[in-house]
Amino acid sequence: MELLDRYLQAVRFWLPRKQQDDIIAELGDDLRSQIEERESALGRPMNEDELVTLLQQAGHPLWVAGRYQKQQALIGPVLFPLYSFVLKIVALGYLVPWLVVWIVLTVFVPSHRASDPMLTLAGGWASFCTNIIVIFGSVTLAFAILERVQSAVSALQQWDPRKLPRPKDRVSRVESVFGLVFSIVYIAWWLSLPRYGALIFGPIAGFFSLNPALHTWYLPLLAPPSIVAVQQCVNILRPQWTWLRAAAQLLSDSIALFIFIALTKFHPYLIPAGTANLDAQHTQALVKLNQVVSWSILCVIIGICIALIVHAYQTVRELRRMSKGSRNGAAMPASQAL
């Protein structure tokens, strides 16, 4: 009954978290009873097409989940779970990154903060609230309009249970293999930089060199990709360890963030090579190159902060799933004894 499991999983996604188990158990029992009745009438097991027809009669997962939602005045129970989901995506995909970028720019770029810290905080808070009002208001307006015309949405009327996603209870081995290949290529490229890194700067390489203080961080920068590579190796052998991917990525992000924040203290990153006397043109080029490197490091820090938030959420989710699974496993012998 894989098709039934996929259907129940799709319904579960849109249900209130605290009621998911009870509702899915009730709905699953009802659908299985209908299947048993159909099979008894037919005198044989139902085929896939007949099961698809039964699930289509039960309704689209979004519609079914909507029957269990609290009544809403502006957004109805059918669309409310989708509305809530979109708001979460907007918050995580735009508002959180915006806040991270503002904090990083305020801390590391003096031109983005006022002379008075309170004015800086007030300005940032005002901009953040404005973004919330505009974005959440636009999403709410769009769903309020959709609520009035939802009966004309054919996507919720014509659907195929066979197209529902499969449960993700393991890490894809294909994903782990390709990720491992990329990690190995990246590590090999990084190790080749001392010999071939000068090719990046082309003809100006003889005039500039790396700040010697940065050499200390050359090998530590291999730690994040190495951690991910080890995780990918393990998940090839143990794909059911989904928690390992989230935890390894979180650890990798944390180390990378620490390293790149430390690198901001070593400006300028490029200095004149040896005893080279730079003319005005090369001096200006050196200044611009250091600015490019500074902004690049800042962008990397922002990206790592966003990834850190995402992977922290994924890690907590995996730990909760494991804890819930262990409780259910411990309770099973007692239930069987009854």
C-alpha atoms as a PDB file:
ATOM      1  CA  MET A   1       0.000   0.000   0.000  1.00  0.00           C
ATOM      2  CA  GLU A   2       2.755   2.420  -0.851  1.00  0.00           C
ATOM      3  CA  LEU A   3       0.281   4.681  -2.675  1.00  0.00           C
ATOM      4  CA  LEU A   4      -1.879   4.910   0.447  1.00  0.00           C
ATOM      5  CA  ASP A   5       1.167   5.717   2.600  1.00  0.00           C
ATOM      6  CA  ARG A   6       2.171   8.498   0.207  1.00  0.00           C
ATOM      7  CA  TYR A   7      -1.370   9.888   0.323  1.00  0.00           C
ATOM      8  CA  LEU A   8      -1.432   9.897   4.123  1.00  0.00           C
ATOM      9  CA  GLN A   9       2.000  11.526   4.202  1.00  0.00           C
ATOM     10  CA  ALA A  10       0.758  14.306   1.909  1.00  0.00           C
ATOM     11  CA  VAL A  11      -2.274  14.910   4.141  1.00  0.00           C
ATOM     12  CA  ARG A  12      -0.073  14.889   7.276  1.00  0.00           C
ATOM     13  CA  PHE A  13       2.106  17.702   5.867  1.00  0.00           C
ATOM     14  CA  TRP A  14      -0.823  20.164   5.959  1.00  0.00           C
ATOM     15  CA  LEU A  15      -2.263  19.147   9.335  1.00  0.00           C
ATOM     16  CA  PRO A  16      -1.716  20.933  12.676  1.00  0.00           C
ATOM     17  CA  ARG A  17       1.414  19.406  14.205  1.00  0.00           C
ATOM     18  CA  LYS A  18      -0.178  18.410  17.523  1.00  0.00           C
ATOM     19  CA  GLN A  19      -3.061  16.574  15.838  1.00  0.00           C
ATOM     20  CA  GLN A  20      -1.186  14.864  13.002  1.00  0.00           C
ATOM     21  CA  ASP A  21      -0.861  11.392  14.554  1.00  0.00           C
ATOM     22  CA  ASP A  22      -4.495  11.113  15.696  1.00  0.00           C
ATOM     23  CA  ILE A  23      -5.962  12.431  12.446  1.00  0.00           C
ATOM     24  CA  ILE A  24      -3.740  10.298  10.211  1.00  0.00           C
ATOM     25  CA  ALA A  25      -4.527   7.178  12.278  1.00  0.00           C
ATOM     26  CA  GLU A  26      -8.267   7.863  11.946  1.00  0.00           C
ATOM     27  CA  LEU A  27      -8.062   8.685   8.243  1.00  0.00           C
ATOM     28  CA  GLY A  28      -5.817   5.682   7.540  1.00  0.00           C
ATOM     29  CA  ASP A  29      -8.240   3.296   9.289  1.00  0.00           C
ATOM     30  CA  ASP A  30     -11.157   4.727   7.322  1.00  0.00           C
ATOM     31  CA  LEU A  31      -9.407   4.382   3.961  1.00  0.00           C
ATOM     32  CA  ARG A  32      -8.186   0.866   4.741  1.00  0.00           C
ATOM     33  CA  SER A  33     -11.754  -0.129   5.681  1.00  0.00           C
ATOM     34  CA  GLN A  34     -12.985   1.205   2.330  1.00  0.00           C
ATOM     35  CA  ILE A  35     -10.234  -0.736   0.534  1.00  0.00           C
ATOM     36  CA  GLU A  36     -11.159  -3.940   2.349  1.00  0.00           C
ATOM     37  CA  GLU A  37     -14.836  -3.471   1.443  1.00  0.00           C
ATOM     38  CA  ARG A  38     -13.983  -2.887  -2.212  1.00  0.00           C
ATOM     39  CA  GLU A  39     -11.699  -5.937  -2.292  1.00  0.00           C
ATOM     40  CA  SER A  40     -14.395  -8.082  -0.641  1.00  0.00           C
ATOM     41  CA  ALA A  41     -16.911  -6.960  -3.242  1.00  0.00           C
ATOM     42  CA  LEU A  42     -14.452  -7.583  -6.083  1.00  0.00           C
ATOM     43  CA  GLY A  43     -13.197 -10.870  -4.701  1.00  0.00           C
ATOM     44  CA  ARG A  44      -9.598  -9.850  -5.396  1.00  0.00           C
ATOM     45  CA  PRO A  45      -7.036  -7.220  -4.349  1.00  0.00           C
ATOM     46  CA  MET A  46      -7.521  -3.762  -5.824  1.00  0.00           C
ATOM     47  CA  ASN A  47      -5.150  -2.776  -8.613  1.00  0.00           C
ATOM     48  CA  GLU A  48      -3.360   0.564  -8.766  1.00  0.00           C
ATOM     49  CA  ASP A  49      -5.922   2.285 -11.005  1.00  0.00           C
ATOM     50  CA  GLU A  50      -8.767   1.315  -8.684  1.00  0.00           C
ATOM     51  CA  LEU A  51      -6.817   2.562  -5.666  1.00  0.00           C
ATOM     52  CA  VAL A  52      -6.115   5.823  -7.491  1.00  0.00           C
ATOM     53  CA  THR A  53      -9.841   6.247  -8.133  1.00  0.00           C
ATOM     54  CA  LEU A  54     -10.645   5.639  -4.454  1.00  0.00           C
ATOM     55  CA  LEU A  55      -8.079   8.212  -3.282  1.00  0.00           C
ATOM     56  CA  GLN A  56      -9.325  10.738  -5.825  1.00  0.00           C
ATOM     57  CA  GLN A  57     -12.822  10.270  -4.424  1.00  0.00           C
ATOM     58  CA  ALA A  58     -11.429  10.851  -0.930  1.00  0.00           C
ATOM     59  CA  GLY A  59     -10.153  14.230  -2.115  1.00  0.00           C
ATOM     60  CA  HIS A  60      -6.939  16.123  -2.684  1.00  0.00           C
ATOM     61  CA  PRO A  61      -4.666  16.018   0.413  1.00  0.00           C
ATOM     62  CA  LEU A  62      -5.009  19.799   0.790  1.00  0.00           C
ATOM     63  CA  TRP A  63      -8.803  19.583   0.779  1.00  0.00           C
ATOM     64  CA  VAL A  64      -8.834  16.650   3.226  1.00  0.00           C
ATOM     65  CA  ALA A  65      -6.482  18.406   5.639  1.00  0.00           C
ATOM     66  CA  GLY A  66      -8.594  21.542   5.373  1.00  0.00           C
ATOM     67  CA  ARG A  67     -11.542  19.774   6.975  1.00  0.00           C
ATOM     68  CA  TYR A  68      -9.544  19.501  10.212  1.00  0.00           C
ATOM     69  CA  GLN A  69      -8.447  23.143  10.350  1.00  0.00           C
ATOM     70  CA  LYS A  70      -9.980  25.778  12.588  1.00  0.00           C
ATOM     71  CA  GLN A  71     -12.453  28.064  10.872  1.00  0.00           C
ATOM     72  CA  GLN A  72     -10.779  31.262   9.630  1.00  0.00           C
ATOM     73  CA  ALA A  73     -12.562  34.463   8.711  1.00  0.00           C
ATOM     74  CA  LEU A  74     -10.334  35.724   5.892  1.00  0.00           C
ATOM     75  CA  ILE A  75      -8.567  32.513   4.816  1.00  0.00           C
ATOM     76  CA  GLY A  76     -10.728  29.387   4.805  1.00  0.00           C
ATOM     77  CA  PRO A  77      -9.737  26.038   6.347  1.00  0.00           C
ATOM     78  CA  VAL A  78      -8.801  24.566   2.959  1.00  0.00           C
ATOM     79  CA  LEU A  79      -6.257  27.215   2.019  1.00  0.00           C
ATOM     80  CA  PHE A  80      -5.112  28.140   5.517  1.00  0.00           C
ATOM     81  CA  PRO A  81      -2.401  25.428   5.793  1.00  0.00           C
ATOM     82  CA  LEU A  82      -0.998  26.511   2.417  1.00  0.00           C
ATOM     83  CA  TYR A  83      -1.191  30.167   3.493  1.00  0.00           C
ATOM     84  CA  SER A  84       0.670  29.385   6.731  1.00  0.00           C
ATOM     85  CA  PHE A  85       3.288  27.404   4.799  1.00  0.00           C
ATOM     86  CA  VAL A  86       3.906  30.271   2.349  1.00  0.00           C
ATOM     87  CA  LEU A  87       4.312  32.746   5.218  1.00  0.00           C
ATOM     88  CA  LYS A  88       6.944  30.485   6.794  1.00  0.00           C
ATOM     89  CA  ILE A  89       8.783  30.190   3.483  1.00  0.00           C
ATOM     90  CA  VAL A  90       8.744  33.976   3.052  1.00  0.00           C
ATOM     91  CA  ALA A  91      10.011  34.479   6.605  1.00  0.00           C
ATOM     92  CA  LEU A  92      12.855  31.982   6.189  1.00  0.00           C
ATOM     93  CA  GLY A  93      13.660  32.861   2.585  1.00  0.00           C
ATOM     94  CA  TYR A  94      13.564  36.652   2.784  1.00  0.00           C
ATOM     95  CA  LEU A  95      13.079  38.172   6.226  1.00  0.00           C
ATOM     96  CA  VAL A  96      15.660  36.058   8.066  1.00  0.00           C
ATOM     97  CA  PRO A  97      18.344  36.597   5.344  1.00  0.00           C
ATOM     98  CA  TRP A  98      17.493  40.318   5.313  1.00  0.00           C
ATOM     99  CA  LEU A  99      17.990  40.493   9.071  1.00  0.00           C
ATOM    100  CA  VAL A 100      21.284  38.574   8.859  1.00  0.00           C
ATOM    101  CA  VAL A 101      22.565  40.880   6.080  1.00  0.00           C
ATOM    102  CA  TRP A 102      21.585  43.974   8.074  1.00  0.00           C
ATOM    103  CA  ILE A 103      23.362  42.720  11.200  1.00  0.00           C
ATOM    104  CA  VAL A 104      26.526  41.806   9.277  1.00  0.00           C
ATOM    105  CA  LEU A 105      26.633  45.122   7.407  1.00  0.00           C
ATOM    106  CA  THR A 106      26.002  47.069  10.609  1.00  0.00           C
ATOM    107  CA  VAL A 107      28.784  45.251  12.465  1.00  0.00           C
ATOM    108  CA  PHE A 108      31.435  45.144   9.738  1.00  0.00           C
ATOM    109  CA  VAL A 109      30.678  48.204   7.540  1.00  0.00           C
ATOM    110  CA  PRO A 110      30.871  51.544   9.414  1.00  0.00           C
ATOM    111  CA  SER A 111      28.996  53.437   6.681  1.00  0.00           C
ATOM    112  CA  HIS A 112      25.847  51.368   7.410  1.00  0.00           C
ATOM    113  CA  ARG A 113      25.519  52.518  11.023  1.00  0.00           C
ATOM    114  CA  ALA A 114      24.699  55.907  12.505  1.00  0.00           C
ATOM    115  CA  SER A 115      26.786  57.709  15.083  1.00  0.00           C
ATOM    116  CA  ASP A 116      24.202  56.853  17.737  1.00  0.00           C
ATOM    117  CA  PRO A 117      23.656  53.073  18.234  1.00  0.00           C
ATOM    118  CA  MET A 118      20.008  53.683  19.176  1.00  0.00           C
ATOM    119  CA  LEU A 119      19.376  55.445  15.858  1.00  0.00           C
ATOM    120  CA  THR A 120      20.970  52.520  14.023  1.00  0.00           C
ATOM    121  CA  LEU A 121      18.769  50.055  15.887  1.00  0.00           C
ATOM    122  CA  ALA A 122      15.636  52.151  15.370  1.00  0.00           C
ATOM    123  CA  GLY A 123      16.303  52.518  11.633  1.00  0.00           C
ATOM    124  CA  GLY A 124      16.890  48.805  11.196  1.00  0.00           C
ATOM    125  CA  TRP A 125      13.783  47.917  13.195  1.00  0.00           C
ATOM    126  CA  ALA A 126      11.644  50.332  11.157  1.00  0.00           C
ATOM    127  CA  SER A 127      12.866  48.832   7.882  1.00  0.00           C
ATOM    128  CA  PHE A 128      12.295  45.300   9.162  1.00  0.00           C
ATOM    129  CA  CYS A 129       8.726  46.074  10.263  1.00  0.00           C
ATOM    130  CA  THR A 130       8.007  47.737   6.923  1.00  0.00           C
ATOM    131  CA  ASN A 131       9.169  44.613   5.098  1.00  0.00           C
ATOM    132  CA  ILE A 132       6.959  42.431   7.302  1.00  0.00           C
ATOM    133  CA  ILE A 133       3.883  44.559   6.644  1.00  0.00           C
ATOM    134  CA  VAL A 134       4.418  44.767   2.887  1.00  0.00           C
ATOM    135  CA  ILE A 135       5.319  41.098   2.295  1.00  0.00           C
ATOM    136  CA  PHE A 136       2.860  39.489   4.718  1.00  0.00           C
ATOM    137  CA  GLY A 137       0.144  41.889   3.577  1.00  0.00           C
ATOM    138  CA  SER A 138       0.731  40.975  -0.080  1.00  0.00           C
ATOM    139  CA  VAL A 139       0.610  37.241   0.667  1.00  0.00           C
ATOM    140  CA  THR A 140      -2.558  37.644   2.743  1.00  0.00           C
ATOM    141  CA  LEU A 141      -4.245  39.677   0.002  1.00  0.00           C
ATOM    142  CA  ALA A 142      -3.341  37.083  -2.620  1.00  0.00           C
ATOM    143  CA  PHE A 143      -4.792  34.239  -0.525  1.00  0.00           C
ATOM    144  CA  ALA A 144      -7.895  36.247   0.336  1.00  0.00           C
ATOM    145  CA  ILE A 145      -8.546  36.601  -3.404  1.00  0.00           C
ATOM    146  CA  LEU A 146      -7.764  32.917  -3.982  1.00  0.00           C
ATOM    147  CA  GLU A 147     -10.204  31.987  -1.209  1.00  0.00           C
ATOM    148  CA  ARG A 148     -12.998  33.602  -3.228  1.00  0.00           C
ATOM    149  CA  VAL A 149     -12.122  31.843  -6.479  1.00  0.00           C
ATOM    150  CA  GLN A 150     -10.781  28.507  -5.164  1.00  0.00           C
ATOM    151  CA  SER A 151     -13.660  26.555  -6.676  1.00  0.00           C
ATOM    152  CA  ALA A 152     -12.239  27.407 -10.102  1.00  0.00           C
ATOM    153  CA  VAL A 153      -8.758  26.086  -9.293  1.00  0.00           C
ATOM    154  CA  SER A 154      -8.533  22.958 -11.437  1.00  0.00           C
ATOM    155  CA  ALA A 155      -5.264  21.781  -9.822  1.00  0.00           C
ATOM    156  CA  LEU A 156      -7.178  20.821  -6.672  1.00  0.00           C
ATOM    157  CA  GLN A 157      -9.892  19.032  -8.648  1.00  0.00           C
ATOM    158  CA  GLN A 158      -7.779  17.083 -11.139  1.00  0.00           C
ATOM    159  CA  TRP A 159      -4.823  15.344  -9.507  1.00  0.00           C
ATOM    160  CA  ASP A 160      -3.104  11.961  -9.571  1.00  0.00           C
ATOM    161  CA  PRO A 161      -2.063  10.174  -6.327  1.00  0.00           C
ATOM    162  CA  ARG A 162       0.775   8.515  -8.258  1.00  0.00           C
ATOM    163  CA  LYS A 163       2.490  11.898  -8.519  1.00  0.00           C
ATOM    164  CA  LEU A 164       2.695  12.417  -4.757  1.00  0.00           C
ATOM    165  CA  PRO A 165       6.286  12.487  -3.398  1.00  0.00           C
ATOM    166  CA  ARG A 166       7.735   9.401  -1.747  1.00  0.00           C
ATOM    167  CA  PRO A 167       8.553   9.466   1.990  1.00  0.00           C
ATOM    168  CA  LYS A 168      12.117  10.700   2.575  1.00  0.00           C
ATOM    169  CA  ASP A 169      13.333   8.394   5.311  1.00  0.00           C
ATOM    170  CA  ARG A 170      16.844   8.024   3.891  1.00  0.00           C
ATOM    171  CA  VAL A 171      19.559   9.999   2.133  1.00  0.00           C
ATOM    172  CA  SER A 172      19.784   9.284  -1.585  1.00  0.00           C
ATOM    173  CA  ARG A 173      22.935   7.323  -2.411  1.00  0.00           C
ATOM    174  CA  VAL A 174      23.129   9.103  -5.772  1.00  0.00           C
ATOM    175  CA  GLU A 175      23.119  12.447  -3.953  1.00  0.00           C
ATOM    176  CA  SER A 176      25.843  11.230  -1.575  1.00  0.00           C
ATOM    177  CA  VAL A 177      28.037   9.919  -4.414  1.00  0.00           C
ATOM    178  CA  PHE A 178      27.842  13.115  -6.470  1.00  0.00           C
ATOM    179  CA  GLY A 179      28.379  15.226  -3.353  1.00  0.00           C
ATOM    180  CA  LEU A 180      31.430  13.164  -2.418  1.00  0.00           C
ATOM    181  CA  VAL A 181      32.907  13.579  -5.908  1.00  0.00           C
ATOM    182  CA  PHE A 182      32.416  17.348  -5.692  1.00  0.00           C
ATOM    183  CA  SER A 183      33.983  17.454  -2.212  1.00  0.00           C
ATOM    184  CA  ILE A 184      37.033  15.501  -3.375  1.00  0.00           C
ATOM    185  CA  VAL A 185      37.473  17.744  -6.440  1.00  0.00           C
ATOM    186  CA  TYR A 186      37.184  20.848  -4.261  1.00  0.00           C
ATOM    187  CA  ILE A 187      39.714  19.558  -1.710  1.00  0.00           C
ATOM    188  CA  ALA A 188      42.142  18.630  -4.515  1.00  0.00           C
ATOM    189  CA  TRP A 189      41.719  22.092  -6.074  1.00  0.00           C
ATOM    190  CA  TRP A 190      42.333  23.780  -2.740  1.00  0.00           C
ATOM    191  CA  LEU A 191      45.507  21.763  -2.125  1.00  0.00           C
ATOM    192  CA  SER A 192      46.791  22.748  -5.584  1.00  0.00           C
ATOM    193  CA  LEU A 193      46.508  26.484  -4.889  1.00  0.00           C
ATOM    194  CA  PRO A 194      50.049  26.944  -3.479  1.00  0.00           C
ATOM    195  CA  ARG A 195      51.490  25.730  -6.782  1.00  0.00           C
ATOM    196  CA  TYR A 196      48.969  27.035  -9.313  1.00  0.00           C
ATOM    197  CA  GLY A 197      47.190  29.813  -7.400  1.00  0.00           C
ATOM    198  CA  ALA A 198      49.270  32.519  -9.090  1.00  0.00           C
ATOM    199  CA  LEU A 199      47.468  31.727 -12.356  1.00  0.00           C
ATOM    200  CA  ILE A 200      44.310  33.300 -10.910  1.00  0.00           C
ATOM    201  CA  PHE A 201      45.879  36.781 -10.957  1.00  0.00           C
ATOM    202  CA  GLY A 202      47.533  36.348 -14.367  1.00  0.00           C
ATOM    203  CA  PRO A 203      50.132  38.974 -15.297  1.00  0.00           C
ATOM    204  CA  ILE A 204      49.742  40.931 -12.037  1.00  0.00           C
ATOM    205  CA  ALA A 205      50.706  37.950  -9.867  1.00  0.00           C
ATOM    206  CA  GLY A 206      54.351  39.104  -9.702  1.00  0.00           C
ATOM    207  CA  PHE A 207      53.351  42.376  -8.071  1.00  0.00           C
ATOM    208  CA  PHE A 208      51.110  41.109  -5.243  1.00  0.00           C
ATOM    209  CA  SER A 209      51.279  38.355  -2.635  1.00  0.00           C
ATOM    210  CA  LEU A 210      49.042  37.011   0.080  1.00  0.00           C
ATOM    211  CA  ASN A 211      49.257  38.471   3.569  1.00  0.00           C
ATOM    212  CA  PRO A 212      51.517  36.018   5.489  1.00  0.00           C
ATOM    213  CA  ALA A 213      49.105  36.055   8.436  1.00  0.00           C
ATOM    214  CA  LEU A 214      46.532  34.261   6.257  1.00  0.00           C
ATOM    215  CA  HIS A 215      48.776  31.231   5.729  1.00  0.00           C
ATOM    216  CA  THR A 216      47.797  29.956   9.179  1.00  0.00           C
ATOM    217  CA  TRP A 217      44.214  29.450   7.988  1.00  0.00           C
ATOM    218  CA  TYR A 218      45.064  27.619   4.767  1.00  0.00           C
ATOM    219  CA  LEU A 219      44.706  24.052   6.095  1.00  0.00           C
ATOM    220  CA  PRO A 220      41.883  24.793   8.613  1.00  0.00           C
ATOM    221  CA  LEU A 221      39.738  25.882   5.660  1.00  0.00           C
ATOM    222  CA  LEU A 222      39.773  22.245   4.565  1.00  0.00           C
ATOM    223  CA  ALA A 223      37.921  21.195   7.726  1.00  0.00           C
ATOM    224  CA  PRO A 224      34.350  22.060   6.555  1.00  0.00           C
ATOM    225  CA  PRO A 225      34.513  20.198   3.203  1.00  0.00           C
ATOM    226  CA  SER A 226      36.320  17.299   4.875  1.00  0.00           C
ATOM    227  CA  ILE A 227      33.522  16.932   7.443  1.00  0.00           C
ATOM    228  CA  VAL A 228      30.931  16.927   4.670  1.00  0.00           C
ATOM    229  CA  ALA A 229      32.976  14.381   2.682  1.00  0.00           C
ATOM    230  CA  VAL A 230      33.086  12.023   5.678  1.00  0.00           C
ATOM    231  CA  GLN A 231      29.330  12.405   6.131  1.00  0.00           C
ATOM    232  CA  GLN A 232      28.753  11.580   2.460  1.00  0.00           C
ATOM    233  CA  CYS A 233      30.926   8.462   2.740  1.00  0.00           C
ATOM    234  CA  VAL A 234      28.960   7.274   5.768  1.00  0.00           C
ATOM    235  CA  ASN A 235      25.577   7.994   4.153  1.00  0.00           C
ATOM    236  CA  ILE A 236      26.551   5.926   1.115  1.00  0.00           C
ATOM    237  CA  LEU A 237      26.819   2.950   3.480  1.00  0.00           C
ATOM    238  CA  ARG A 238      24.119   4.051   5.939  1.00  0.00           C
ATOM    239  CA  PRO A 239      21.520   6.057   3.954  1.00  0.00           C
ATOM    240  CA  GLN A 240      18.989   5.706   6.790  1.00  0.00           C
ATOM    241  CA  TRP A 241      21.098   8.006   8.992  1.00  0.00           C
ATOM    242  CA  THR A 242      19.359  11.179   7.821  1.00  0.00           C
ATOM    243  CA  TRP A 243      20.310  12.938  11.051  1.00  0.00           C
ATOM    244  CA  LEU A 244      23.999  12.695  10.146  1.00  0.00           C
ATOM    245  CA  ARG A 245      23.684  14.913   7.075  1.00  0.00           C
ATOM    246  CA  ALA A 246      21.980  17.729   8.975  1.00  0.00           C
ATOM    247  CA  ALA A 247      24.393  17.483  11.936  1.00  0.00           C
ATOM    248  CA  ALA A 248      27.498  17.381   9.691  1.00  0.00           C
ATOM    249  CA  GLN A 249      26.347  20.378   7.681  1.00  0.00           C
ATOM    250  CA  LEU A 250      25.620  22.297  10.885  1.00  0.00           C
ATOM    251  CA  LEU A 251      29.095  21.512  12.240  1.00  0.00           C
ATOM    252  CA  SER A 252      30.689  22.424   8.902  1.00  0.00           C
ATOM    253  CA  ASP A 253      28.829  25.753   8.796  1.00  0.00           C
ATOM    254  CA  SER A 254      29.834  26.601  12.363  1.00  0.00           C
ATOM    255  CA  ILE A 255      33.535  25.988  11.684  1.00  0.00           C
ATOM    256  CA  ALA A 256      33.410  27.888   8.386  1.00  0.00           C
ATOM    257  CA  LEU A 257      31.682  30.867  10.034  1.00  0.00           C
ATOM    258  CA  PHE A 258      34.320  30.992  12.784  1.00  0.00           C
ATOM    259  CA  ILE A 259      37.153  30.897  10.216  1.00  0.00           C
ATOM    260  CA  PHE A 260      35.745  33.573   7.908  1.00  0.00           C
ATOM    261  CA  ILE A 261      34.960  35.918  10.793  1.00  0.00           C
ATOM    262  CA  ALA A 262      38.567  35.454  11.923  1.00  0.00           C
ATOM    263  CA  LEU A 263      39.791  36.283   8.399  1.00  0.00           C
ATOM    264  CA  THR A 264      38.165  39.719   8.524  1.00  0.00           C
ATOM    265  CA  LYS A 265      40.858  40.781  11.020  1.00  0.00           C
ATOM    266  CA  PHE A 266      43.726  40.367   8.538  1.00  0.00           C
ATOM    267  CA  HIS A 267      43.080  43.271   6.175  1.00  0.00           C
ATOM    268  CA  PRO A 268      44.797  44.001   3.808  1.00  0.00           C
ATOM    269  CA  TYR A 269      44.619  40.522   2.340  1.00  0.00           C
ATOM    270  CA  LEU A 270      46.967  41.295  -0.559  1.00  0.00           C
ATOM    271  CA  ILE A 271      50.245  43.173  -0.126  1.00  0.00           C
ATOM    272  CA  PRO A 272      53.065  44.170  -2.500  1.00  0.00           C
ATOM    273  CA  ALA A 273      55.193  41.164  -3.454  1.00  0.00           C
ATOM    274  CA  GLY A 274      58.717  41.207  -1.970  1.00  0.00           C
ATOM    275  CA  THR A 275      60.495  44.483  -2.573  1.00  0.00           C
ATOM    276  CA  ALA A 276      58.375  45.447  -5.576  1.00  0.00           C
ATOM    277  CA  ASN A 277      57.848  49.171  -5.988  1.00  0.00           C
ATOM    278  CA  LEU A 278      54.314  49.687  -7.211  1.00  0.00           C
ATOM    279  CA  ASP A 279      53.405  52.554  -9.481  1.00  0.00           C
ATOM    280  CA  ALA A 280      50.136  54.445  -9.140  1.00  0.00           C
ATOM    281  CA  GLN A 281      48.247  52.064 -11.427  1.00  0.00           C
ATOM    282  CA  HIS A 282      49.292  48.946  -9.531  1.00  0.00           C
ATOM    283  CA  THR A 283      48.689  50.646  -6.175  1.00  0.00           C
ATOM    284  CA  GLN A 284      45.130  51.465  -7.229  1.00  0.00           C
ATOM    285  CA  ALA A 285      44.650  47.897  -8.460  1.00  0.00           C
ATOM    286  CA  LEU A 286      45.868  46.582  -5.095  1.00  0.00           C
ATOM    287  CA  VAL A 287      43.329  48.732  -3.243  1.00  0.00           C
ATOM    288  CA  LYS A 288      40.494  47.537  -5.482  1.00  0.00           C
ATOM    289  CA  LEU A 289      41.524  43.898  -5.138  1.00  0.00           C
ATOM    290  CA  ASN A 290      41.480  44.183  -1.345  1.00  0.00           C
ATOM    291  CA  GLN A 291      38.011  45.742  -1.538  1.00  0.00           C
ATOM    292  CA  VAL A 292      36.796  42.879  -3.724  1.00  0.00           C
ATOM    293  CA  VAL A 293      38.207  40.317  -1.295  1.00  0.00           C
ATOM    294  CA  SER A 294      36.629  42.145   1.673  1.00  0.00           C
ATOM    295  CA  TRP A 295      33.186  42.203   0.072  1.00  0.00           C
ATOM    296  CA  SER A 296      33.564  38.591  -1.038  1.00  0.00           C
ATOM    297  CA  ILE A 297      34.324  37.479   2.519  1.00  0.00           C
ATOM    298  CA  LEU A 298      31.345  39.500   3.759  1.00  0.00           C
ATOM    299  CA  CYS A 299      29.043  37.805   1.228  1.00  0.00           C
ATOM    300  CA  VAL A 300      30.386  34.396   2.250  1.00  0.00           C
ATOM    301  CA  ILE A 301      29.705  35.175   5.924  1.00  0.00           C
ATOM    302  CA  ILE A 302      26.130  36.166   5.087  1.00  0.00           C
ATOM    303  CA  GLY A 303      25.631  32.996   3.064  1.00  0.00           C
ATOM    304  CA  ILE A 304      27.048  30.826   5.843  1.00  0.00           C
ATOM    305  CA  CYS A 305      24.756  32.498   8.411  1.00  0.00           C
ATOM    306  CA  ILE A 306      21.718  31.688   6.270  1.00  0.00           C
ATOM    307  CA  ALA A 307      22.891  28.097   5.765  1.00  0.00           C
ATOM    308  CA  LEU A 308      23.553  27.809   9.513  1.00  0.00           C
ATOM    309  CA  ILE A 309      19.974  28.765  10.312  1.00  0.00           C
ATOM    310  CA  VAL A 310      18.574  26.282   7.785  1.00  0.00           C
ATOM    311  CA  HIS A 311      20.806  23.411   8.916  1.00  0.00           C
ATOM    312  CA  ALA A 312      20.128  24.144  12.600  1.00  0.00           C
ATOM    313  CA  TYR A 313      16.405  23.843  11.902  1.00  0.00           C
ATOM    314  CA  GLN A 314      16.960  20.590   9.984  1.00  0.00           C
ATOM    315  CA  THR A 315      19.084  19.176  12.806  1.00  0.00           C
ATOM    316  CA  VAL A 316      16.452  19.972  15.451  1.00  0.00           C
ATOM    317  CA  ARG A 317      13.775  18.422  13.232  1.00  0.00           C
ATOM    318  CA  GLU A 318      15.791  15.234  12.779  1.00  0.00           C
ATOM    319  CA  LEU A 319      16.477  14.988  16.519  1.00  0.00           C
ATOM    320  CA  ARG A 320      12.790  15.389  17.281  1.00  0.00           C
ATOM    321  CA  ARG A 321      11.934  12.717  14.723  1.00  0.00           C
ATOM    322  CA  MET A 322      14.489  10.346  16.272  1.00  0.00           C
ATOM    323  CA  SER A 323      13.196  11.049  19.776  1.00  0.00           C
ATOM    324  CA  LYS A 324       9.624  10.447  18.655  1.00  0.00           C
ATOM    325  CA  GLY A 325      10.649   7.217  16.918  1.00  0.00           C
ATOM    326  CA  SER A 326      12.473   5.935  20.013  1.00  0.00           C
ATOM    327  CA  ARG A 327       9.429   6.647  22.213  1.00  0.00           C
ATOM    328  CA  ASN A 328       7.150   4.812  19.805  1.00  0.00           C
ATOM    329  CA  GLY A 329       9.597   1.898  19.696  1.00  0.00           C
ATOM    330  CA  ALA A 330       9.724   1.717  23.487  1.00  0.00           C
ATOM    331  CA  ALA A 331       5.961   1.830  23.758  1.00  0.00           C
ATOM    332  CA  MET A 332       5.389  -0.935  21.203  1.00  0.00           C
ATOM    333  CA  PRO A 333       6.335  -3.908  23.458  1.00  0.00           C
ATOM    334  CA  ALA A 334       3.943  -2.639  26.133  1.00  0.00           C
ATOM    335  CA  SER A 335       1.115  -2.288  23.601  1.00  0.00           C
ATOM    336  CA  GLN A 336       1.816  -5.738  22.236  1.00  0.00           C
ATOM    337  CA  ALA A 337       1.766  -7.161  25.790  1.00  0.00           C
ATOM    338  CA  LEU A 338      -1.768  -5.785  26.184  1.00  0.00           C
END
